[in-house]
N, C-alpha and C. Protein backbone atom coordinates (compact mmCIF):
# COMPACT_ATOMS: atom_id res chain seq x y z
N MET A 1 5.67 19.00 5.18
CA MET A 1 4.61 18.08 4.81
C MET A 1 3.37 18.46 5.61
N THR A 2 2.24 18.57 4.94
CA THR A 2 1.02 18.93 5.64
C THR A 2 0.41 17.72 6.32
N LYS A 3 -0.33 17.97 7.38
CA LYS A 3 -0.93 16.89 8.16
C LYS A 3 -1.83 15.99 7.33
N CYS A 4 -2.60 16.59 6.41
CA CYS A 4 -3.58 15.80 5.66
C CYS A 4 -2.91 14.78 4.74
N PHE A 5 -1.64 14.99 4.41
CA PHE A 5 -0.96 14.06 3.51
C PHE A 5 -0.04 13.09 4.22
N GLU A 6 0.15 13.22 5.52
CA GLU A 6 1.09 12.35 6.23
C GLU A 6 0.70 10.88 6.10
N GLY A 7 -0.56 10.57 6.30
CA GLY A 7 -1.02 9.19 6.17
C GLY A 7 -0.88 8.69 4.75
N LEU A 8 -1.20 9.55 3.80
CA LEU A 8 -1.08 9.20 2.39
C LEU A 8 0.38 8.96 2.01
N ASP A 9 1.26 9.81 2.52
CA ASP A 9 2.69 9.63 2.26
C ASP A 9 3.19 8.30 2.81
N ALA A 10 2.77 7.97 4.03
CA ALA A 10 3.18 6.70 4.65
C ALA A 10 2.65 5.52 3.84
N THR A 11 1.43 5.64 3.35
CA THR A 11 0.85 4.56 2.54
C THR A 11 1.66 4.34 1.27
N PHE A 12 1.95 5.42 0.55
CA PHE A 12 2.70 5.27 -0.69
C PHE A 12 4.14 4.82 -0.45
N ARG A 13 4.75 5.27 0.66
CA ARG A 13 6.10 4.78 0.99
C ARG A 13 6.05 3.28 1.25
N ALA A 14 5.04 2.84 1.98
CA ALA A 14 4.92 1.41 2.29
C ALA A 14 4.67 0.60 1.03
N LEU A 15 3.84 1.12 0.14
CA LEU A 15 3.51 0.39 -1.10
C LEU A 15 4.61 0.51 -2.15
N GLY A 16 5.60 1.36 -1.91
CA GLY A 16 6.66 1.56 -2.88
C GLY A 16 7.67 0.43 -2.95
N ASP A 17 7.56 -0.52 -2.07
CA ASP A 17 8.51 -1.64 -2.05
C ASP A 17 7.81 -2.92 -2.50
N PRO A 18 8.40 -3.67 -3.44
CA PRO A 18 7.75 -4.88 -3.95
C PRO A 18 7.54 -5.96 -2.88
N THR A 19 8.45 -6.06 -1.93
CA THR A 19 8.28 -7.05 -0.86
C THR A 19 7.07 -6.70 -0.02
N ARG A 20 6.92 -5.43 0.31
CA ARG A 20 5.76 -5.03 1.13
C ARG A 20 4.46 -5.20 0.36
N ARG A 21 4.49 -4.93 -0.94
CA ARG A 21 3.27 -5.17 -1.74
C ARG A 21 2.92 -6.65 -1.76
N ALA A 22 3.92 -7.50 -1.87
CA ALA A 22 3.67 -8.95 -1.85
C ALA A 22 3.12 -9.40 -0.51
N LEU A 23 3.67 -8.86 0.57
CA LEU A 23 3.16 -9.20 1.91
C LEU A 23 1.71 -8.76 2.07
N LEU A 24 1.41 -7.55 1.62
CA LEU A 24 0.04 -7.05 1.72
C LEU A 24 -0.91 -7.88 0.86
N SER A 25 -0.47 -8.27 -0.33
CA SER A 25 -1.30 -9.12 -1.18
C SER A 25 -1.59 -10.45 -0.50
N ARG A 26 -0.58 -11.02 0.13
CA ARG A 26 -0.79 -12.28 0.85
C ARG A 26 -1.78 -12.08 1.99
N LEU A 27 -1.63 -11.00 2.74
CA LEU A 27 -2.52 -10.77 3.88
C LEU A 27 -3.94 -10.39 3.45
N ALA A 28 -4.09 -9.91 2.24
CA ALA A 28 -5.44 -9.62 1.73
C ALA A 28 -6.26 -10.90 1.60
N ARG A 29 -5.58 -12.04 1.49
CA ARG A 29 -6.28 -13.34 1.40
C ARG A 29 -6.65 -13.88 2.77
N GLY A 30 -6.09 -13.29 3.83
CA GLY A 30 -6.39 -13.74 5.18
C GLY A 30 -5.19 -13.62 6.08
N PRO A 31 -5.41 -13.69 7.39
CA PRO A 31 -4.33 -13.56 8.36
C PRO A 31 -3.26 -14.65 8.17
N ALA A 32 -2.05 -14.31 8.59
CA ALA A 32 -0.94 -15.27 8.51
C ALA A 32 0.06 -14.96 9.61
N THR A 33 0.71 -16.00 10.07
CA THR A 33 1.77 -15.79 11.06
C THR A 33 3.00 -15.22 10.36
N VAL A 34 3.89 -14.64 11.15
CA VAL A 34 5.12 -14.10 10.59
C VAL A 34 5.91 -15.21 9.91
N SER A 35 5.94 -16.38 10.50
CA SER A 35 6.66 -17.52 9.89
C SER A 35 6.06 -17.88 8.54
N GLU A 36 4.75 -17.89 8.44
CA GLU A 36 4.09 -18.18 7.16
C GLU A 36 4.42 -17.11 6.13
N LEU A 37 4.44 -15.86 6.57
CA LEU A 37 4.75 -14.76 5.65
C LEU A 37 6.20 -14.84 5.17
N ALA A 38 7.08 -15.35 6.01
CA ALA A 38 8.51 -15.41 5.67
C ALA A 38 8.83 -16.50 4.65
N GLU A 39 8.00 -17.53 4.57
CA GLU A 39 8.32 -18.70 3.73
C GLU A 39 8.74 -18.38 2.30
N PRO A 40 8.00 -17.55 1.55
CA PRO A 40 8.39 -17.36 0.14
C PRO A 40 9.57 -16.41 -0.07
N PHE A 41 10.07 -15.80 0.99
CA PHE A 41 11.14 -14.81 0.84
C PHE A 41 12.48 -15.37 1.32
N GLU A 42 13.51 -15.04 0.58
CA GLU A 42 14.87 -15.43 0.98
C GLU A 42 15.52 -14.22 1.64
N MET A 43 15.11 -13.96 2.88
CA MET A 43 15.69 -12.85 3.62
C MET A 43 15.72 -13.20 5.09
N ALA A 44 16.56 -12.53 5.81
CA ALA A 44 16.66 -12.75 7.25
C ALA A 44 15.39 -12.25 7.94
N MET A 45 15.04 -12.88 9.03
CA MET A 45 13.83 -12.51 9.76
C MET A 45 13.82 -11.03 10.17
N PRO A 46 14.95 -10.46 10.63
CA PRO A 46 14.91 -9.03 10.97
C PRO A 46 14.53 -8.14 9.78
N SER A 47 14.95 -8.52 8.58
CA SER A 47 14.59 -7.75 7.39
C SER A 47 13.10 -7.85 7.11
N LEU A 48 12.56 -9.04 7.24
CA LEU A 48 11.11 -9.22 7.05
C LEU A 48 10.34 -8.42 8.09
N MET A 49 10.81 -8.45 9.33
CA MET A 49 10.13 -7.72 10.40
C MET A 49 10.14 -6.21 10.13
N LEU A 50 11.20 -5.71 9.51
CA LEU A 50 11.25 -4.31 9.15
C LEU A 50 10.16 -3.97 8.13
N HIS A 51 9.99 -4.84 7.14
CA HIS A 51 8.93 -4.63 6.15
C HIS A 51 7.56 -4.64 6.82
N LEU A 52 7.35 -5.59 7.72
CA LEU A 52 6.06 -5.66 8.41
C LEU A 52 5.84 -4.42 9.27
N ARG A 53 6.89 -3.93 9.90
CA ARG A 53 6.77 -2.73 10.73
C ARG A 53 6.38 -1.52 9.88
N LYS A 54 6.97 -1.39 8.69
CA LYS A 54 6.63 -0.29 7.80
C LYS A 54 5.16 -0.36 7.38
N LEU A 55 4.67 -1.56 7.09
CA LEU A 55 3.26 -1.73 6.74
C LEU A 55 2.36 -1.39 7.92
N GLU A 56 2.78 -1.78 9.10
CA GLU A 56 1.98 -1.52 10.29
C GLU A 56 1.99 -0.02 10.62
N GLU A 57 3.12 0.63 10.48
CA GLU A 57 3.20 2.08 10.73
C GLU A 57 2.31 2.86 9.78
N ALA A 58 2.15 2.35 8.56
CA ALA A 58 1.28 3.00 7.57
C ALA A 58 -0.19 2.66 7.81
N GLY A 59 -0.47 1.78 8.76
CA GLY A 59 -1.84 1.39 9.04
C GLY A 59 -2.42 0.38 8.07
N LEU A 60 -1.55 -0.23 7.25
CA LEU A 60 -2.03 -1.18 6.24
C LEU A 60 -2.18 -2.59 6.77
N ILE A 61 -1.51 -2.89 7.87
CA ILE A 61 -1.67 -4.19 8.52
C ILE A 61 -1.73 -3.98 10.03
N GLY A 62 -2.25 -4.97 10.69
CA GLY A 62 -2.23 -5.03 12.14
C GLY A 62 -1.66 -6.37 12.54
N SER A 63 -1.40 -6.55 13.82
CA SER A 63 -0.89 -7.84 14.27
C SER A 63 -1.31 -8.08 15.71
N LYS A 64 -1.37 -9.34 16.05
CA LYS A 64 -1.67 -9.76 17.41
C LYS A 64 -0.67 -10.83 17.79
N LYS A 65 -0.24 -10.78 19.03
CA LYS A 65 0.72 -11.77 19.51
C LYS A 65 0.03 -12.66 20.53
N ARG A 66 0.17 -13.95 20.31
CA ARG A 66 -0.37 -14.94 21.24
C ARG A 66 0.77 -15.89 21.59
N GLY A 67 1.23 -15.78 22.80
CA GLY A 67 2.41 -16.56 23.17
C GLY A 67 3.60 -16.05 22.39
N ARG A 68 4.25 -16.95 21.67
CA ARG A 68 5.41 -16.57 20.86
C ARG A 68 5.05 -16.38 19.39
N VAL A 69 3.76 -16.49 19.06
CA VAL A 69 3.34 -16.43 17.66
C VAL A 69 2.67 -15.09 17.37
N ARG A 70 3.21 -14.36 16.40
CA ARG A 70 2.60 -13.11 15.95
C ARG A 70 1.85 -13.37 14.66
N THR A 71 0.58 -13.00 14.65
CA THR A 71 -0.27 -13.16 13.47
C THR A 71 -0.59 -11.77 12.92
N CYS A 72 -0.40 -11.62 11.62
CA CYS A 72 -0.66 -10.34 10.95
C CYS A 72 -1.94 -10.44 10.13
N PHE A 73 -2.60 -9.30 9.95
CA PHE A 73 -3.82 -9.24 9.16
C PHE A 73 -3.85 -7.90 8.42
N ALA A 74 -4.51 -7.90 7.28
CA ALA A 74 -4.60 -6.68 6.46
C ALA A 74 -5.62 -5.72 7.03
N GLU A 75 -5.34 -4.45 6.88
CA GLU A 75 -6.25 -3.36 7.24
C GLU A 75 -6.49 -2.56 5.96
N LEU A 76 -7.18 -3.17 4.99
CA LEU A 76 -7.29 -2.59 3.66
C LEU A 76 -8.11 -1.32 3.60
N SER A 77 -8.92 -1.05 4.62
CA SER A 77 -9.68 0.20 4.62
C SER A 77 -8.77 1.41 4.64
N HIS A 78 -7.53 1.22 5.09
CA HIS A 78 -6.58 2.32 5.11
C HIS A 78 -6.10 2.69 3.70
N LEU A 79 -6.46 1.89 2.72
CA LEU A 79 -6.11 2.22 1.33
C LEU A 79 -7.10 3.21 0.72
N ASP A 80 -8.22 3.45 1.40
CA ASP A 80 -9.27 4.32 0.85
C ASP A 80 -8.76 5.71 0.49
N ASP A 81 -7.95 6.30 1.35
CA ASP A 81 -7.42 7.64 1.06
C ASP A 81 -6.54 7.63 -0.19
N ALA A 82 -5.75 6.58 -0.35
CA ALA A 82 -4.90 6.47 -1.54
C ALA A 82 -5.75 6.30 -2.80
N VAL A 83 -6.77 5.49 -2.71
CA VAL A 83 -7.66 5.28 -3.86
C VAL A 83 -8.36 6.59 -4.23
N THR A 84 -8.83 7.32 -3.23
CA THR A 84 -9.49 8.60 -3.47
C THR A 84 -8.54 9.57 -4.15
N TRP A 85 -7.31 9.66 -3.65
CA TRP A 85 -6.32 10.56 -4.23
C TRP A 85 -5.99 10.16 -5.66
N LEU A 86 -5.76 8.88 -5.90
CA LEU A 86 -5.43 8.41 -7.25
C LEU A 86 -6.58 8.65 -8.22
N THR A 87 -7.81 8.40 -7.77
CA THR A 87 -8.98 8.59 -8.62
C THR A 87 -9.14 10.05 -9.00
N SER A 88 -8.96 10.94 -8.04
CA SER A 88 -9.11 12.37 -8.35
C SER A 88 -8.04 12.83 -9.35
N HIS A 89 -6.82 12.32 -9.20
CA HIS A 89 -5.77 12.71 -10.14
C HIS A 89 -5.96 12.06 -11.50
N GLN A 90 -6.50 10.87 -11.52
CA GLN A 90 -6.79 10.22 -12.80
C GLN A 90 -7.85 11.03 -13.55
N GLN A 91 -8.88 11.46 -12.83
CA GLN A 91 -9.94 12.26 -13.47
C GLN A 91 -9.40 13.58 -13.97
N LEU A 92 -8.54 14.22 -13.18
CA LEU A 92 -7.93 15.49 -13.58
C LEU A 92 -7.14 15.33 -14.87
N TRP A 93 -6.29 14.31 -14.93
CA TRP A 93 -5.46 14.11 -16.13
C TRP A 93 -6.29 13.64 -17.31
N GLN A 94 -7.35 12.90 -17.06
CA GLN A 94 -8.22 12.49 -18.16
C GLN A 94 -8.89 13.70 -18.80
N ARG A 95 -9.36 14.64 -17.96
CA ARG A 95 -9.96 15.87 -18.50
C ARG A 95 -8.93 16.67 -19.30
N ARG A 96 -7.71 16.75 -18.79
CA ARG A 96 -6.67 17.49 -19.51
C ARG A 96 -6.34 16.83 -20.85
N LEU A 97 -6.27 15.51 -20.85
CA LEU A 97 -5.99 14.80 -22.11
C LEU A 97 -7.15 14.94 -23.09
N ASP A 98 -8.38 14.92 -22.58
CA ASP A 98 -9.55 15.12 -23.45
C ASP A 98 -9.51 16.50 -24.09
N ARG A 99 -9.13 17.53 -23.32
CA ARG A 99 -9.03 18.89 -23.88
C ARG A 99 -7.91 18.97 -24.91
N LEU A 100 -6.80 18.30 -24.63
CA LEU A 100 -5.70 18.29 -25.60
C LEU A 100 -6.13 17.61 -26.89
N GLU A 101 -6.81 16.49 -26.76
CA GLU A 101 -7.29 15.78 -27.95
C GLU A 101 -8.25 16.65 -28.76
N ALA A 102 -9.17 17.35 -28.08
CA ALA A 102 -10.11 18.23 -28.77
C ALA A 102 -9.36 19.36 -29.46
N PHE A 103 -8.35 19.92 -28.82
CA PHE A 103 -7.56 20.98 -29.40
C PHE A 103 -6.84 20.48 -30.65
N LEU A 104 -6.24 19.31 -30.55
CA LEU A 104 -5.51 18.76 -31.71
C LEU A 104 -6.45 18.42 -32.85
N ASP A 105 -7.66 17.93 -32.52
CA ASP A 105 -8.65 17.62 -33.56
C ASP A 105 -9.09 18.89 -34.27
N ASP A 106 -9.28 19.98 -33.51
CA ASP A 106 -9.69 21.26 -34.09
C ASP A 106 -8.60 21.85 -34.97
N ASP A 107 -7.35 21.62 -34.58
CA ASP A 107 -6.20 22.19 -35.30
C ASP A 107 -5.93 21.41 -36.59
N ALA A 108 -6.39 20.18 -36.68
CA ALA A 108 -6.07 19.34 -37.84
C ALA A 108 -6.80 19.69 -39.08
């Protein structure tokens, strides 16, 4: 794996799980404590903490601990590389599909 894609790989791995996507969507609305994040999920706290750790390792969330309360917050700027990569590939495939369409129109 090349260095330039390591962050992108971590982002897509983190976003590949529906629970992590739901957590990130919730945090996009504002910071929340781990207890607040756990409320809608029927899973053990260690499992939830694993999901949060994966998001944090990918740089998609951060957290601060005050006393016994950990508050998480979104770091959505870390999605910029993924958006750039997806946009470039979307443009590439759109050009290829446009050429295919033109070829098929000419052949008809």
